[in-house]
Amino acid sequence: MRLEAGKNGGKLSVQVRIPTVFRKYTDQQGVVEVDPGTLASVVDQLEGRYPGIKGQLLNGDGQFHRFVNVYVNDEDVRYLKKLDTKADDGDEVSLLPSVAGG
């Protein structure tokens, strides 16, 4: 039996779910594939392809903005390793802006 290295014909990838509010930075794409790595690497890859998105995700201290919730496979990265959290082949990263009420 032969095992494939990844889902995409041997290519390793992580799916990043982009909410509507950030799609103006990703040419309206709702899902973007990036290489596996830490979330810091994922953000850098997104910025490399879609300049300007990093400033929407990270604050001046280089941490996620408090109004951006980030999940790796439904796990809130605030309770993991934040930007040092790993996203492996087949994982899904979700970027969710906080909703404030009034």
Protein backbone atom coordinates (compact mmCIF):
# COMPACT_ATOMS: atom_id res chain seq x y z
CA MET A 1 0.00 0.00 0.00
CA ARG A 2 1.35 3.42 -0.96
CA LEU A 3 0.83 6.44 1.29
CA GLU A 4 0.71 9.98 -0.06
CA ALA A 5 2.76 12.67 1.65
CA GLY A 6 -0.09 15.17 1.52
CA LYS A 7 -3.63 15.66 0.32
CA ASN A 8 -2.60 17.69 -2.74
CA GLY A 9 -0.65 15.12 -4.73
CA GLY A 10 2.22 15.07 -2.26
CA LYS A 11 2.19 18.80 -1.56
CA LEU A 12 1.95 19.67 2.12
CA SER A 13 -0.45 22.48 2.95
CA VAL A 14 -2.44 24.25 5.63
CA GLN A 15 -5.79 25.81 4.81
CA VAL A 16 -6.37 29.31 6.16
CA ARG A 17 -9.99 30.42 6.37
CA ILE A 18 -10.29 34.12 5.60
CA PRO A 19 -13.33 35.99 6.97
CA THR A 20 -15.20 38.41 4.73
CA VAL A 21 -13.73 41.49 6.46
CA PHE A 22 -10.17 40.44 5.44
CA ARG A 23 -10.95 39.21 1.93
CA LYS A 24 -10.20 42.61 0.41
CA TYR A 25 -6.56 41.71 1.15
CA THR A 26 -6.78 38.21 -0.40
CA ASP A 27 -8.39 39.05 -3.74
CA GLN A 28 -11.74 37.95 -2.23
CA GLN A 29 -10.50 34.41 -1.55
CA GLY A 30 -12.21 32.72 1.40
CA VAL A 31 -9.61 29.95 1.75
CA VAL A 32 -5.87 30.26 1.15
CA GLU A 33 -3.35 27.41 1.23
CA VAL A 34 0.07 27.96 2.83
CA ASP A 35 2.98 25.77 3.83
CA PRO A 36 2.98 24.13 7.27
CA GLY A 37 4.84 25.91 10.08
CA THR A 38 4.22 28.14 13.05
CA LEU A 39 1.46 30.71 12.93
CA ALA A 40 4.16 33.38 12.67
CA SER A 41 5.26 31.66 9.44
CA VAL A 42 1.65 31.41 8.25
CA VAL A 43 1.17 35.17 8.79
CA ASP A 44 4.45 35.91 6.97
CA GLN A 45 3.37 33.73 4.03
CA LEU A 46 0.04 35.54 3.86
CA GLU A 47 1.80 38.91 3.94
CA GLY A 48 4.16 37.79 1.17
CA ARG A 49 1.22 37.00 -1.10
CA TYR A 50 -1.22 39.62 0.15
CA PRO A 51 0.62 42.76 1.33
CA GLY A 52 -1.21 44.61 4.09
CA ILE A 53 -2.94 41.65 5.74
CA LYS A 54 -0.27 41.28 8.44
CA GLY A 55 -1.08 44.75 9.81
CA GLN A 56 -4.70 43.67 10.16
CA LEU A 57 -3.75 40.56 12.13
CA LEU A 58 -0.84 41.73 14.32
CA ASN A 59 -0.43 44.74 16.61
CA GLY A 60 2.67 46.92 17.04
CA ASP A 61 4.11 44.40 19.51
CA GLY A 62 3.97 41.66 16.88
CA GLN A 63 1.15 39.77 18.63
CA PHE A 64 -2.33 39.02 17.34
CA HIS A 65 -4.69 41.98 17.73
CA ARG A 66 -7.04 41.37 20.63
CA PHE A 67 -9.99 41.65 18.24
CA VAL A 68 -8.72 38.81 16.01
CA ASN A 69 -9.40 35.30 17.27
CA VAL A 70 -7.25 32.59 15.71
CA TYR A 71 -7.96 28.87 15.82
CA VAL A 72 -6.01 25.85 14.63
CA ASN A 73 -8.43 22.95 14.19
CA ASP A 74 -10.96 24.57 16.56
CA GLU A 75 -8.31 25.18 19.26
CA ASP A 76 -7.99 28.81 20.38
CA VAL A 77 -4.29 29.72 19.99
CA ARG A 78 -4.50 32.13 22.94
CA TYR A 79 -4.52 29.00 25.10
CA LEU A 80 -1.79 27.28 23.10
CA LYS A 81 1.46 28.94 22.00
CA LYS A 82 -0.05 31.93 20.18
CA LEU A 83 2.22 32.76 17.19
CA ASP A 84 4.47 29.79 18.06
CA THR A 85 1.54 27.37 17.63
CA LYS A 86 2.26 24.83 14.87
CA ALA A 87 -0.01 24.34 11.88
CA ASP A 88 0.78 20.99 10.28
CA ASP A 89 -0.16 19.42 6.95
CA GLY A 90 -3.93 19.11 6.70
CA ASP A 91 -4.61 21.55 9.54
CA GLU A 92 -7.10 24.37 9.24
CA VAL A 93 -6.39 27.85 10.56
CA SER A 94 -9.42 30.08 11.09
CA LEU A 95 -9.13 33.85 11.45
CA LEU A 96 -12.20 35.26 13.18
CA PRO A 97 -12.70 38.93 13.97
CA SER A 98 -14.35 39.62 17.32
CA VAL A 99 -17.82 41.06 17.18
CA ALA A 100 -18.53 43.89 19.61
CA GLY A 101 -22.02 44.74 20.70
CA GLY A 102 -23.38 47.97 21.99
